[in-house]
Amino acid sequence: MKSVRALGNERRLQILEWLKQPKQHFPPQRDGDLVKDGVCGLLIARKLRVSQPAVTQHLKILSQAGFLRSKRTRKWTFYKRDEKAIKAIRDAISETL
């Protein structure tokens, strides 16, 4: 299951945790609202202390697994949790176990 494999990395789990309450974990952004639009990938990279390409790979894996939605604004990409998809994934895992 792709979604379960996506959770097999500490950094990806940390990203998901931070994005639960973005205003608590990230500074305000100029081009997007932290809650409504999501968090800029650059801010996530800085907080994780990794390069832009490294965080992009983590965010891509989380997005493909259904945990995140992305939104492109100007030259920035913003990421937020997809709570509906997360609930569906959680329910599917619960049914399997």
N, C-alpha and C. Protein backbone atom coordinates (compact mmCIF):
# COMPACT_ATOMS: atom_id res chain seq x y z
N MET A 1 0.85 -1.19 0.00
CA MET A 1 0.00 0.00 0.00
C MET A 1 0.89 1.25 0.00
N LYS A 2 0.75 2.04 -1.05
CA LYS A 2 1.60 3.23 -1.23
C LYS A 2 1.51 4.20 -0.07
N SER A 3 0.32 4.36 0.48
CA SER A 3 0.15 5.32 1.58
C SER A 3 0.90 4.89 2.83
N VAL A 4 0.96 3.61 3.10
CA VAL A 4 1.67 3.12 4.27
C VAL A 4 3.18 3.31 4.08
N ARG A 5 3.68 3.01 2.89
CA ARG A 5 5.11 3.20 2.62
C ARG A 5 5.51 4.66 2.77
N ALA A 6 4.63 5.57 2.39
CA ALA A 6 4.93 7.01 2.50
C ALA A 6 5.17 7.41 3.95
N LEU A 7 4.57 6.69 4.88
CA LEU A 7 4.71 7.01 6.30
C LEU A 7 5.95 6.39 6.94
N GLY A 8 6.71 5.66 6.15
CA GLY A 8 7.87 4.97 6.68
C GLY A 8 9.12 5.83 6.75
N ASN A 9 8.96 7.13 6.91
CA ASN A 9 10.09 8.04 6.98
C ASN A 9 9.82 9.10 8.03
N GLU A 10 10.76 9.29 8.94
CA GLU A 10 10.58 10.25 10.04
C GLU A 10 10.29 11.67 9.56
N ARG A 11 11.00 12.08 8.51
CA ARG A 11 10.82 13.45 8.01
C ARG A 11 9.43 13.65 7.44
N ARG A 12 8.92 12.65 6.73
CA ARG A 12 7.57 12.78 6.17
C ARG A 12 6.52 12.81 7.28
N LEU A 13 6.73 12.01 8.32
CA LEU A 13 5.82 12.05 9.47
C LEU A 13 5.87 13.41 10.15
N GLN A 14 7.06 13.99 10.24
CA GLN A 14 7.22 15.31 10.85
C GLN A 14 6.49 16.37 10.04
N ILE A 15 6.61 16.30 8.71
CA ILE A 15 5.91 17.25 7.84
C ILE A 15 4.41 17.17 8.08
N LEU A 16 3.87 15.96 8.10
CA LEU A 16 2.42 15.79 8.33
C LEU A 16 2.01 16.35 9.69
N GLU A 17 2.84 16.15 10.69
CA GLU A 17 2.54 16.67 12.03
C GLU A 17 2.53 18.20 12.01
N TRP A 18 3.54 18.82 11.43
CA TRP A 18 3.60 20.28 11.36
C TRP A 18 2.40 20.86 10.61
N LEU A 19 2.00 20.17 9.53
CA LEU A 19 0.91 20.71 8.70
C LEU A 19 -0.46 20.58 9.36
N LYS A 20 -0.55 19.82 10.46
CA LYS A 20 -1.80 19.77 11.23
C LYS A 20 -2.14 21.16 11.76
N GLN A 21 -1.12 21.88 12.23
CA GLN A 21 -1.30 23.22 12.80
C GLN A 21 -0.22 24.14 12.23
N PRO A 22 -0.37 24.53 10.98
CA PRO A 22 0.68 25.29 10.31
C PRO A 22 1.02 26.63 10.97
N LYS A 23 0.04 27.29 11.55
CA LYS A 23 0.32 28.60 12.17
C LYS A 23 1.22 28.46 13.39
N GLN A 24 1.19 27.30 14.03
CA GLN A 24 2.05 27.04 15.19
C GLN A 24 3.49 26.76 14.78
N HIS A 25 3.68 26.26 13.57
CA HIS A 25 5.00 25.77 13.18
C HIS A 25 5.72 26.59 12.11
N PHE A 26 5.00 27.49 11.43
CA PHE A 26 5.61 28.24 10.34
C PHE A 26 5.30 29.73 10.46
N PRO A 27 6.23 30.58 9.99
CA PRO A 27 5.98 32.02 10.00
C PRO A 27 4.97 32.39 8.92
N PRO A 28 4.36 33.58 9.04
CA PRO A 28 3.42 34.02 7.99
C PRO A 28 4.12 34.08 6.63
N GLN A 29 3.35 33.88 5.57
CA GLN A 29 3.87 33.91 4.21
C GLN A 29 3.32 35.13 3.49
N ARG A 30 4.07 35.60 2.51
CA ARG A 30 3.62 36.77 1.75
C ARG A 30 2.55 36.40 0.71
N ASP A 31 2.74 35.28 0.02
CA ASP A 31 1.88 34.96 -1.12
C ASP A 31 0.78 33.93 -0.84
N GLY A 32 0.60 33.52 0.40
CA GLY A 32 -0.45 32.55 0.68
C GLY A 32 -0.72 32.42 2.16
N ASP A 33 -1.96 32.13 2.48
CA ASP A 33 -2.38 31.92 3.86
C ASP A 33 -1.98 30.51 4.28
N LEU A 34 -1.35 30.39 5.44
CA LEU A 34 -0.87 29.10 5.91
C LEU A 34 -1.96 28.04 6.00
N VAL A 35 -3.14 28.44 6.44
CA VAL A 35 -4.24 27.47 6.62
C VAL A 35 -5.00 27.27 5.32
N LYS A 36 -5.40 28.35 4.69
CA LYS A 36 -6.24 28.26 3.49
C LYS A 36 -5.46 27.71 2.28
N ASP A 37 -4.26 28.24 2.06
CA ASP A 37 -3.49 27.86 0.87
C ASP A 37 -2.48 26.75 1.12
N GLY A 38 -2.02 26.62 2.34
CA GLY A 38 -0.99 25.64 2.66
C GLY A 38 0.34 26.33 2.93
N VAL A 39 1.35 25.53 3.16
CA VAL A 39 2.68 26.03 3.51
C VAL A 39 3.61 25.88 2.31
N CYS A 40 4.36 26.92 2.05
CA CYS A 40 5.31 26.92 0.94
C CYS A 40 6.37 25.83 1.18
N GLY A 41 6.69 25.10 0.14
CA GLY A 41 7.70 24.05 0.23
C GLY A 41 9.04 24.56 0.74
N LEU A 42 9.38 25.80 0.42
CA LEU A 42 10.63 26.37 0.87
C LEU A 42 10.67 26.50 2.40
N LEU A 43 9.55 26.91 3.00
CA LEU A 43 9.49 27.00 4.47
C LEU A 43 9.63 25.62 5.11
N ILE A 44 9.03 24.62 4.47
CA ILE A 44 9.13 23.25 5.00
C ILE A 44 10.59 22.79 4.91
N ALA A 45 11.25 23.07 3.79
CA ALA A 45 12.66 22.69 3.63
C ALA A 45 13.53 23.34 4.69
N ARG A 46 13.31 24.63 4.94
CA ARG A 46 14.10 25.34 5.95
C ARG A 46 13.89 24.74 7.33
N LYS A 47 12.63 24.45 7.67
CA LYS A 47 12.33 23.91 9.00
C LYS A 47 12.94 22.51 9.17
N LEU A 48 12.91 21.71 8.11
CA LEU A 48 13.49 20.37 8.16
C LEU A 48 15.02 20.40 8.09
N ARG A 49 15.55 21.55 7.66
CA ARG A 49 16.99 21.72 7.44
C ARG A 49 17.50 20.77 6.36
N VAL A 50 16.75 20.74 5.24
CA VAL A 50 17.16 19.95 4.08
C VAL A 50 17.10 20.84 2.84
N SER A 51 17.68 20.36 1.76
CA SER A 51 17.67 21.12 0.51
C SER A 51 16.28 21.13 -0.12
N GLN A 52 16.07 22.06 -1.03
CA GLN A 52 14.79 22.14 -1.75
C GLN A 52 14.50 20.84 -2.50
N PRO A 53 15.49 20.26 -3.23
CA PRO A 53 15.20 18.98 -3.91
C PRO A 53 14.83 17.85 -2.95
N ALA A 54 15.47 17.82 -1.78
CA ALA A 54 15.15 16.76 -0.81
C ALA A 54 13.73 16.89 -0.30
N VAL A 55 13.32 18.10 0.05
CA VAL A 55 11.95 18.27 0.56
C VAL A 55 10.94 18.05 -0.56
N THR A 56 11.28 18.44 -1.77
CA THR A 56 10.38 18.22 -2.90
C THR A 56 10.08 16.75 -3.07
N GLN A 57 11.10 15.90 -2.89
CA GLN A 57 10.90 14.45 -3.00
C GLN A 57 9.96 13.95 -1.91
N HIS A 58 10.16 14.41 -0.68
CA HIS A 58 9.28 14.00 0.43
C HIS A 58 7.84 14.45 0.16
N LEU A 59 7.69 15.69 -0.28
CA LEU A 59 6.35 16.23 -0.54
C LEU A 59 5.67 15.52 -1.70
N LYS A 60 6.45 15.14 -2.70
CA LYS A 60 5.91 14.40 -3.84
C LYS A 60 5.38 13.04 -3.39
N ILE A 61 6.15 12.35 -2.56
CA ILE A 61 5.74 11.03 -2.06
C ILE A 61 4.46 11.15 -1.23
N LEU A 62 4.39 12.15 -0.35
CA LEU A 62 3.19 12.36 0.47
C LEU A 62 1.99 12.73 -0.39
N SER A 63 2.22 13.51 -1.44
CA SER A 63 1.12 13.91 -2.34
C SER A 63 0.62 12.72 -3.13
N GLN A 64 1.54 11.93 -3.68
CA GLN A 64 1.14 10.75 -4.47
C GLN A 64 0.40 9.73 -3.62
N ALA A 65 0.73 9.68 -2.33
CA ALA A 65 0.07 8.73 -1.42
C ALA A 65 -1.29 9.26 -0.96
N GLY A 66 -1.58 10.51 -1.26
CA GLY A 66 -2.89 11.07 -0.93
C GLY A 66 -2.95 11.86 0.37
N PHE A 67 -1.82 12.07 1.01
CA PHE A 67 -1.81 12.79 2.28
C PHE A 67 -1.82 14.31 2.13
N LEU A 68 -1.29 14.80 1.01
CA LEU A 68 -1.18 16.25 0.80
C LEU A 68 -1.82 16.67 -0.51
N ARG A 69 -2.25 17.92 -0.52
CA ARG A 69 -2.69 18.57 -1.75
C ARG A 69 -1.73 19.73 -1.99
N SER A 70 -1.43 19.99 -3.24
CA SER A 70 -0.54 21.10 -3.55
C SER A 70 -1.29 22.15 -4.36
N LYS A 71 -0.81 23.38 -4.23
CA LYS A 71 -1.42 24.50 -4.94
C LYS A 71 -0.29 25.40 -5.41
N ARG A 72 -0.25 25.66 -6.70
CA ARG A 72 0.79 26.50 -7.29
C ARG A 72 0.30 27.94 -7.35
N THR A 73 1.08 28.86 -6.78
CA THR A 73 0.78 30.29 -6.83
C THR A 73 2.07 31.02 -7.19
N ARG A 74 2.03 31.69 -8.32
CA ARG A 74 3.23 32.35 -8.86
C ARG A 74 4.32 31.30 -9.00
N LYS A 75 5.48 31.53 -8.38
CA LYS A 75 6.56 30.55 -8.51
C LYS A 75 6.64 29.60 -7.33
N TRP A 76 5.67 29.68 -6.43
CA TRP A 76 5.69 28.88 -5.21
C TRP A 76 4.67 27.75 -5.26
N THR A 77 4.98 26.66 -4.57
CA THR A 77 4.01 25.58 -4.41
C THR A 77 3.73 25.45 -2.92
N PHE A 78 2.44 25.47 -2.58
CA PHE A 78 1.98 25.39 -1.19
C PHE A 78 1.38 24.01 -0.95
N TYR A 79 1.62 23.49 0.24
CA TYR A 79 1.15 22.14 0.58
C TYR A 79 0.29 22.18 1.84
N LYS A 80 -0.79 21.42 1.79
CA LYS A 80 -1.63 21.27 2.98
C LYS A 80 -2.13 19.83 3.05
N ARG A 81 -2.47 19.44 4.25
CA ARG A 81 -2.99 18.09 4.46
C ARG A 81 -4.34 17.93 3.76
N ASP A 82 -4.58 16.76 3.22
CA ASP A 82 -5.88 16.43 2.65
C ASP A 82 -6.59 15.58 3.69
N GLU A 83 -7.31 16.26 4.59
CA GLU A 83 -7.91 15.58 5.74
C GLU A 83 -8.92 14.51 5.33
N LYS A 84 -9.65 14.75 4.25
CA LYS A 84 -10.63 13.77 3.78
C LYS A 84 -9.92 12.48 3.34
N ALA A 85 -8.85 12.64 2.58
CA ALA A 85 -8.09 11.48 2.11
C ALA A 85 -7.40 10.78 3.27
N ILE A 86 -6.88 11.55 4.22
CA ILE A 86 -6.22 10.95 5.39
C ILE A 86 -7.22 10.10 6.17
N LYS A 87 -8.44 10.60 6.33
CA LYS A 87 -9.46 9.83 7.03
C LYS A 87 -9.79 8.54 6.28
N ALA A 88 -9.90 8.63 4.96
CA ALA A 88 -10.21 7.44 4.16
C ALA A 88 -9.08 6.41 4.26
N ILE A 89 -7.84 6.89 4.25
CA ILE A 89 -6.70 5.99 4.38
C ILE A 89 -6.69 5.35 5.76
N ARG A 90 -6.94 6.17 6.78
CA ARG A 90 -6.99 5.66 8.17
C ARG A 90 -8.08 4.59 8.29
N ASP A 91 -9.26 4.86 7.72
CA ASP A 91 -10.36 3.89 7.78
C ASP A 91 -10.01 2.59 7.06
N ALA A 92 -9.37 2.70 5.90
CA ALA A 92 -8.99 1.51 5.12
C ALA A 92 -7.98 0.67 5.89
N ILE A 93 -7.04 1.33 6.56
CA ILE A 93 -6.04 0.59 7.35
C ILE A 93 -6.73 -0.10 8.54
N SER A 94 -7.65 0.61 9.19
CA SER A 94 -8.37 0.03 10.33
C SER A 94 -9.17 -1.21 9.93
N GLU A 95 -9.81 -1.12 8.75
CA GLU A 95 -10.60 -2.26 8.27
C GLU A 95 -9.70 -3.46 7.98
N THR A 96 -8.50 -3.20 7.47
CA THR A 96 -7.57 -4.27 7.12
C THR A 96 -7.05 -4.96 8.38
N LEU A 97 -6.81 -4.16 9.42
CA LEU A 97 -6.28 -4.73 10.67
C LEU A 97 -7.44 -5.23 11.49
